[in-house]
N, C-alpha and C. Protein backbone atom coordinates (compact mmCIF):
# COMPACT_ATOMS: atom_id res chain seq x y z
N MET A 1 214.16 -45.76 65.83
CA MET A 1 215.03 -46.62 66.60
C MET A 1 215.26 -46.06 68.00
N LYS A 2 215.13 -44.75 68.15
CA LYS A 2 215.36 -44.10 69.42
C LYS A 2 214.40 -44.64 70.48
N GLY A 3 214.95 -45.14 71.59
CA GLY A 3 214.14 -45.64 72.68
C GLY A 3 213.61 -47.05 72.48
N ALA A 4 213.87 -47.64 71.31
CA ALA A 4 213.36 -48.98 71.04
C ALA A 4 214.16 -50.02 71.80
N ILE A 5 213.47 -51.09 72.17
CA ILE A 5 214.14 -52.22 72.79
C ILE A 5 214.35 -53.25 71.69
N ILE A 6 215.60 -53.59 71.45
CA ILE A 6 215.93 -54.53 70.39
C ILE A 6 216.64 -55.73 70.97
N ASN A 7 216.60 -56.80 70.24
CA ASN A 7 217.18 -58.05 70.69
C ASN A 7 218.55 -58.23 70.06
N LEU A 8 219.58 -58.27 70.89
CA LEU A 8 220.95 -58.40 70.40
C LEU A 8 221.15 -59.70 69.65
N ASP A 9 220.45 -60.76 70.05
CA ASP A 9 220.60 -62.05 69.37
C ASP A 9 220.16 -61.95 67.91
N ASP A 10 219.11 -61.18 67.62
CA ASP A 10 218.67 -60.99 66.24
C ASP A 10 219.78 -60.34 65.41
N TYR A 11 220.48 -59.40 66.01
CA TYR A 11 221.56 -58.73 65.30
C TYR A 11 222.78 -59.62 65.13
N ARG A 12 223.02 -60.50 66.08
CA ARG A 12 224.11 -61.47 65.92
C ARG A 12 223.86 -62.36 64.71
N VAL A 13 222.63 -62.79 64.55
CA VAL A 13 222.27 -63.63 63.40
C VAL A 13 222.47 -62.84 62.11
N LEU A 14 221.93 -61.62 62.06
CA LEU A 14 222.04 -60.80 60.86
C LEU A 14 223.50 -60.47 60.54
N THR A 15 224.25 -60.00 61.54
CA THR A 15 225.65 -59.65 61.27
C THR A 15 226.46 -60.90 60.92
N GLY A 16 226.09 -62.03 61.47
CA GLY A 16 226.76 -63.28 61.09
C GLY A 16 226.55 -63.60 59.62
N LYS A 17 225.33 -63.38 59.12
CA LYS A 17 225.04 -63.61 57.71
C LYS A 17 225.82 -62.63 56.82
N ILE A 18 225.90 -61.38 57.27
CA ILE A 18 226.64 -60.36 56.51
C ILE A 18 228.11 -60.74 56.44
N ILE A 19 228.66 -61.14 57.57
CA ILE A 19 230.07 -61.54 57.61
C ILE A 19 230.30 -62.76 56.72
N GLY A 20 229.34 -63.70 56.73
CA GLY A 20 229.44 -64.86 55.84
C GLY A 20 229.49 -64.45 54.38
N CYS A 21 228.67 -63.48 54.01
CA CYS A 21 228.68 -62.96 52.64
C CYS A 21 230.04 -62.34 52.31
N ALA A 22 230.57 -61.57 53.25
CA ALA A 22 231.88 -60.94 53.04
C ALA A 22 232.98 -62.00 52.91
N MET A 23 232.89 -63.06 53.70
CA MET A 23 233.87 -64.14 53.60
C MET A 23 233.83 -64.80 52.22
N GLN A 24 232.62 -64.97 51.70
CA GLN A 24 232.49 -65.56 50.36
C GLN A 24 233.14 -64.66 49.32
N VAL A 25 232.88 -63.35 49.41
CA VAL A 25 233.50 -62.41 48.47
C VAL A 25 235.01 -62.48 48.58
N HIS A 26 235.53 -62.51 49.80
CA HIS A 26 236.99 -62.55 50.00
C HIS A 26 237.58 -63.86 49.48
N ARG A 27 236.86 -64.96 49.68
CA ARG A 27 237.33 -66.26 49.16
C ARG A 27 237.47 -66.21 47.64
N VAL A 28 236.51 -65.59 46.98
CA VAL A 28 236.52 -65.55 45.52
C VAL A 28 237.52 -64.53 44.99
N LEU A 29 237.51 -63.33 45.55
CA LEU A 29 238.35 -62.25 45.01
C LEU A 29 239.73 -62.14 45.65
N GLY A 30 239.86 -62.61 46.90
CA GLY A 30 241.12 -62.41 47.61
C GLY A 30 241.32 -60.95 47.96
N SER A 31 242.54 -60.58 48.29
CA SER A 31 242.84 -59.18 48.61
C SER A 31 243.53 -58.52 47.42
N GLY A 32 243.58 -57.20 47.45
CA GLY A 32 244.32 -56.48 46.42
C GLY A 32 243.50 -55.58 45.52
N PHE A 33 242.18 -55.65 45.61
CA PHE A 33 241.34 -54.78 44.79
C PHE A 33 240.98 -53.51 45.54
N GLN A 34 240.45 -52.53 44.82
CA GLN A 34 239.97 -51.31 45.44
C GLN A 34 238.66 -51.63 46.18
N GLU A 35 238.37 -50.78 47.16
CA GLU A 35 237.18 -50.96 47.99
C GLU A 35 235.90 -51.08 47.16
N VAL A 36 235.76 -50.29 46.11
CA VAL A 36 234.55 -50.28 45.31
C VAL A 36 234.28 -51.65 44.67
N ILE A 37 235.30 -52.39 44.34
CA ILE A 37 235.13 -53.73 43.76
C ILE A 37 234.50 -54.65 44.78
N TYR A 38 235.01 -54.60 46.01
CA TYR A 38 234.44 -55.43 47.08
C TYR A 38 233.01 -55.00 47.40
N GLN A 39 232.78 -53.70 47.35
CA GLN A 39 231.44 -53.18 47.63
C GLN A 39 230.43 -53.71 46.61
N ARG A 40 230.79 -53.69 45.36
CA ARG A 40 229.89 -54.18 44.31
C ARG A 40 229.66 -55.69 44.44
N ALA A 41 230.72 -56.43 44.70
CA ALA A 41 230.59 -57.88 44.86
C ALA A 41 229.76 -58.22 46.09
N LEU A 42 229.97 -57.49 47.18
CA LEU A 42 229.21 -57.75 48.40
C LEU A 42 227.73 -57.43 48.20
N ALA A 43 227.42 -56.40 47.44
CA ALA A 43 226.02 -56.08 47.14
C ALA A 43 225.34 -57.26 46.46
N ILE A 44 226.03 -57.89 45.54
CA ILE A 44 225.49 -59.07 44.85
C ILE A 44 225.29 -60.21 45.83
N GLU A 45 226.28 -60.45 46.66
CA GLU A 45 226.22 -61.55 47.63
C GLU A 45 225.11 -61.33 48.65
N LEU A 46 224.97 -60.11 49.15
CA LEU A 46 223.90 -59.81 50.10
C LEU A 46 222.53 -60.04 49.47
N GLU A 47 222.37 -59.61 48.24
CA GLU A 47 221.09 -59.81 47.54
C GLU A 47 220.80 -61.30 47.39
N GLN A 48 221.82 -62.08 47.04
CA GLN A 48 221.65 -63.53 46.89
C GLN A 48 221.20 -64.19 48.20
N CYS A 49 221.60 -63.60 49.33
CA CYS A 49 221.23 -64.13 50.64
C CYS A 49 219.93 -63.54 51.17
N GLY A 50 219.29 -62.68 50.39
CA GLY A 50 218.02 -62.10 50.81
C GLY A 50 218.15 -61.02 51.86
N ILE A 51 219.31 -60.38 51.94
CA ILE A 51 219.53 -59.32 52.92
C ILE A 51 219.28 -57.97 52.24
N SER A 52 218.38 -57.18 52.81
CA SER A 52 218.03 -55.87 52.28
C SER A 52 219.13 -54.87 52.60
N ALA A 53 219.77 -54.35 51.56
CA ALA A 53 220.90 -53.43 51.76
C ALA A 53 220.80 -52.26 50.81
N GLN A 54 221.03 -51.06 51.35
CA GLN A 54 221.13 -49.86 50.54
C GLN A 54 222.61 -49.52 50.44
N ARG A 55 223.10 -49.35 49.23
CA ARG A 55 224.53 -49.10 49.00
C ARG A 55 224.76 -47.64 48.68
N GLU A 56 225.89 -47.11 49.20
CA GLU A 56 226.29 -45.72 48.99
C GLU A 56 225.16 -44.75 49.28
N LEU A 57 224.59 -44.91 50.45
CA LEU A 57 223.46 -44.08 50.87
C LEU A 57 223.98 -42.78 51.49
N GLU A 58 223.48 -41.66 50.96
CA GLU A 58 223.85 -40.34 51.49
C GLU A 58 223.02 -40.10 52.75
N MET A 59 223.70 -39.88 53.88
CA MET A 59 223.00 -39.68 55.15
C MET A 59 223.42 -38.35 55.76
N PRO A 60 222.44 -37.59 56.28
CA PRO A 60 222.75 -36.27 56.84
C PRO A 60 223.45 -36.37 58.20
N ILE A 61 224.25 -35.37 58.48
CA ILE A 61 224.90 -35.23 59.79
C ILE A 61 224.35 -33.95 60.41
N SER A 62 223.85 -34.08 61.64
CA SER A 62 223.25 -32.93 62.32
C SER A 62 224.04 -32.55 63.56
N TYR A 63 223.94 -31.28 63.89
CA TYR A 63 224.52 -30.75 65.12
C TYR A 63 223.50 -29.80 65.71
N ARG A 64 223.03 -30.09 66.92
CA ARG A 64 222.01 -29.26 67.58
C ARG A 64 220.81 -28.99 66.67
N GLN A 65 220.30 -30.06 66.12
CA GLN A 65 219.12 -30.02 65.24
C GLN A 65 219.33 -29.24 63.94
N HIS A 66 220.58 -28.99 63.56
CA HIS A 66 220.88 -28.34 62.29
C HIS A 66 221.68 -29.31 61.43
N GLU A 67 221.24 -29.47 60.19
CA GLU A 67 222.00 -30.31 59.27
C GLU A 67 223.25 -29.54 58.86
N ILE A 68 224.40 -30.16 59.09
CA ILE A 68 225.68 -29.49 58.81
C ILE A 68 226.48 -30.17 57.71
N GLY A 69 225.95 -31.23 57.18
CA GLY A 69 226.64 -31.94 56.11
C GLY A 69 226.04 -33.31 55.92
N SER A 70 226.75 -34.10 55.16
CA SER A 70 226.29 -35.47 54.94
C SER A 70 227.49 -36.35 54.69
N ARG A 71 227.24 -37.63 54.75
CA ARG A 71 228.29 -38.64 54.53
C ARG A 71 227.64 -39.80 53.80
N ARG A 72 228.33 -40.31 52.83
CA ARG A 72 227.84 -41.47 52.10
C ARG A 72 228.37 -42.73 52.78
N VAL A 73 227.45 -43.54 53.29
CA VAL A 73 227.83 -44.79 53.95
C VAL A 73 227.90 -45.90 52.91
N ASP A 74 228.78 -46.87 53.14
CA ASP A 74 228.93 -47.97 52.19
C ASP A 74 227.64 -48.77 52.07
N PHE A 75 227.09 -49.19 53.21
CA PHE A 75 225.82 -49.93 53.21
C PHE A 75 225.03 -49.59 54.46
N LEU A 76 223.71 -49.55 54.30
CA LEU A 76 222.79 -49.54 55.42
C LEU A 76 221.93 -50.78 55.24
N ILE A 77 222.00 -51.68 56.20
CA ILE A 77 221.33 -52.97 56.10
C ILE A 77 220.08 -52.96 57.00
N ASN A 78 218.96 -53.34 56.42
CA ASN A 78 217.69 -53.40 57.15
C ASN A 78 217.42 -52.13 57.94
N GLU A 79 217.93 -51.02 57.47
CA GLU A 79 217.75 -49.70 58.08
C GLU A 79 218.25 -49.60 59.52
N THR A 80 219.08 -50.56 59.95
CA THR A 80 219.58 -50.53 61.33
C THR A 80 221.05 -50.85 61.48
N VAL A 81 221.65 -51.53 60.52
CA VAL A 81 223.05 -51.94 60.63
C VAL A 81 223.88 -51.15 59.63
N LEU A 82 224.84 -50.41 60.15
CA LEU A 82 225.78 -49.66 59.32
C LEU A 82 226.94 -50.57 58.96
N LEU A 83 227.25 -50.66 57.68
CA LEU A 83 228.35 -51.51 57.22
C LEU A 83 229.36 -50.64 56.49
N GLU A 84 230.55 -50.58 57.03
CA GLU A 84 231.64 -49.83 56.41
C GLU A 84 232.69 -50.80 55.92
N LEU A 85 233.15 -50.60 54.70
CA LEU A 85 234.15 -51.47 54.10
C LEU A 85 235.48 -50.74 53.97
N LYS A 86 236.54 -51.52 54.06
CA LYS A 86 237.89 -51.03 53.83
C LYS A 86 238.61 -52.05 52.96
N ALA A 87 239.64 -51.59 52.27
CA ALA A 87 240.51 -52.46 51.50
C ALA A 87 241.95 -52.04 51.79
N LEU A 88 242.35 -52.26 53.04
CA LEU A 88 243.64 -51.79 53.54
C LEU A 88 244.45 -52.97 54.07
N SER A 89 245.72 -52.74 54.30
CA SER A 89 246.57 -53.82 54.85
C SER A 89 246.17 -54.18 56.27
N GLY A 90 245.53 -53.25 56.98
CA GLY A 90 245.07 -53.53 58.34
C GLY A 90 244.20 -52.40 58.87
N LEU A 91 243.40 -52.72 59.88
CA LEU A 91 242.54 -51.74 60.53
C LEU A 91 243.27 -51.14 61.73
N ASN A 92 242.88 -49.91 62.10
CA ASN A 92 243.48 -49.28 63.27
C ASN A 92 242.42 -48.50 64.05
N GLU A 93 242.84 -47.85 65.10
CA GLU A 93 241.92 -47.13 65.99
C GLU A 93 241.15 -46.01 65.27
N THR A 94 241.74 -45.41 64.26
CA THR A 94 241.06 -44.36 63.50
C THR A 94 239.83 -44.92 62.80
N HIS A 95 239.95 -46.12 62.25
CA HIS A 95 238.81 -46.75 61.58
C HIS A 95 237.72 -47.09 62.59
N TYR A 96 238.12 -47.53 63.77
CA TYR A 96 237.15 -47.84 64.83
C TYR A 96 236.41 -46.57 65.26
N ALA A 97 237.15 -45.49 65.44
CA ALA A 97 236.54 -44.22 65.85
C ALA A 97 235.56 -43.73 64.79
N GLN A 98 235.89 -43.92 63.52
CA GLN A 98 235.03 -43.50 62.43
C GLN A 98 233.66 -44.18 62.53
N ILE A 99 233.64 -45.48 62.68
CA ILE A 99 232.35 -46.18 62.70
C ILE A 99 231.58 -45.88 63.99
N ILE A 100 232.28 -45.71 65.09
CA ILE A 100 231.61 -45.35 66.35
C ILE A 100 230.94 -43.98 66.20
N ASN A 101 231.63 -43.03 65.58
CA ASN A 101 231.06 -41.71 65.35
C ASN A 101 229.86 -41.78 64.41
N TYR A 102 229.92 -42.61 63.39
CA TYR A 102 228.79 -42.77 62.47
C TYR A 102 227.58 -43.34 63.19
N LEU A 103 227.79 -44.32 64.04
CA LEU A 103 226.67 -44.91 64.79
C LEU A 103 225.98 -43.84 65.63
N GLU A 104 226.76 -43.01 66.26
CA GLU A 104 226.20 -41.94 67.08
C GLU A 104 225.48 -40.91 66.21
N ALA A 105 226.13 -40.49 65.14
CA ALA A 105 225.55 -39.45 64.28
C ALA A 105 224.25 -39.91 63.63
N TYR A 106 224.18 -41.17 63.24
CA TYR A 106 223.00 -41.67 62.55
C TYR A 106 222.03 -42.40 63.46
N ARG A 107 222.37 -42.45 64.74
CA ARG A 107 221.51 -43.10 65.75
C ARG A 107 221.17 -44.53 65.37
N LEU A 108 222.21 -45.26 64.99
CA LEU A 108 222.05 -46.67 64.63
C LEU A 108 222.64 -47.55 65.72
N PRO A 109 222.05 -48.71 65.97
CA PRO A 109 222.51 -49.54 67.08
C PRO A 109 223.73 -50.41 66.79
N ILE A 110 223.90 -50.84 65.55
CA ILE A 110 224.93 -51.83 65.24
C ILE A 110 225.74 -51.37 64.04
N GLY A 111 227.05 -51.59 64.13
CA GLY A 111 227.93 -51.32 63.00
C GLY A 111 228.85 -52.48 62.75
N LEU A 112 229.20 -52.65 61.50
CA LEU A 112 230.18 -53.66 61.11
C LEU A 112 231.26 -52.97 60.30
N LEU A 113 232.49 -53.25 60.64
CA LEU A 113 233.63 -52.76 59.88
C LEU A 113 234.31 -53.99 59.29
N ILE A 114 234.39 -54.03 57.97
CA ILE A 114 234.95 -55.19 57.29
C ILE A 114 236.09 -54.72 56.39
N ASN A 115 237.23 -55.41 56.52
CA ASN A 115 238.41 -55.09 55.74
C ASN A 115 238.76 -56.25 54.81
N PHE A 116 238.72 -55.97 53.50
CA PHE A 116 239.04 -56.97 52.49
C PHE A 116 240.51 -56.94 52.09
N GLY A 117 241.28 -55.96 52.55
CA GLY A 117 242.64 -55.77 52.07
C GLY A 117 243.68 -56.68 52.67
N ALA A 118 243.40 -57.29 53.80
CA ALA A 118 244.35 -58.18 54.46
C ALA A 118 244.27 -59.58 53.84
N PRO A 119 245.30 -60.39 54.02
CA PRO A 119 245.26 -61.76 53.47
C PRO A 119 244.05 -62.57 53.97
N ALA A 120 243.65 -62.36 55.21
CA ALA A 120 242.43 -62.98 55.75
C ALA A 120 241.44 -61.84 56.03
N LEU A 121 240.16 -62.10 55.77
CA LEU A 121 239.14 -61.09 56.00
C LEU A 121 239.17 -60.64 57.46
N GLU A 122 239.14 -59.33 57.67
CA GLU A 122 239.06 -58.77 59.03
C GLU A 122 237.69 -58.15 59.21
N PHE A 123 237.10 -58.35 60.40
CA PHE A 123 235.82 -57.72 60.69
C PHE A 123 235.72 -57.45 62.17
N LYS A 124 234.92 -56.43 62.49
CA LYS A 124 234.68 -56.06 63.87
C LYS A 124 233.25 -55.55 63.98
N ARG A 125 232.52 -56.06 64.97
CA ARG A 125 231.17 -55.59 65.26
C ARG A 125 231.24 -54.47 66.29
N PHE A 126 230.35 -53.50 66.15
CA PHE A 126 230.25 -52.39 67.09
C PHE A 126 228.80 -52.27 67.53
N VAL A 127 228.60 -52.11 68.82
CA VAL A 127 227.26 -51.92 69.39
C VAL A 127 227.26 -50.54 70.02
N LYS A 128 226.31 -49.70 69.60
CA LYS A 128 226.28 -48.32 70.08
C LYS A 128 226.17 -48.26 71.60
N THR A 129 225.20 -48.98 72.15
CA THR A 129 225.07 -49.01 73.60
C THR A 129 224.39 -50.31 74.01
N LEU A 130 224.91 -50.94 74.99
CA LEU A 130 224.32 -52.18 75.46
C LEU A 130 223.03 -51.93 76.25
N LYS A 131 222.79 -50.69 76.67
CA LYS A 131 221.58 -50.37 77.44
C LYS A 131 220.31 -50.56 76.62
N LEU A 132 220.42 -50.53 75.30
CA LEU A 132 219.25 -50.67 74.44
C LEU A 132 218.78 -52.12 74.31
N PHE A 133 219.65 -53.06 74.67
CA PHE A 133 219.36 -54.45 74.34
C PHE A 133 218.79 -55.22 75.52
N ARG A 134 217.86 -56.10 75.19
CA ARG A 134 217.27 -57.01 76.17
C ARG A 134 217.33 -58.42 75.60
N LYS A 135 217.55 -59.39 76.46
CA LYS A 135 217.54 -60.79 76.01
C LYS A 135 216.17 -61.36 76.10
């Protein structure tokens, strides 16, 4: 992905489909469950929509070309979109910082943060850098 020119419109379509899947899960389950319940339901919904997703993927974290640990991400979609789920009453700046740091650490262009815990589904798209995108 490093140095690649990608089309932001393609990601809007993909992230729109992912958000649609999350909305369906939220419509059926509502709020109040643990994150893992939403994660399992969303995996089913994504598969039904033909979206390639890896769930609970262990990904390494490096510092100066040295692996210093790892983090299990909720979903990696099409090997380019990081999807983090929450089941909280609301999102805050700490959650935003978390996904921004993950995008940088894993060198991924797009992130989605989705919260199932609020009465209405909350979601936010994150783009690592707009310099990578061309129309």
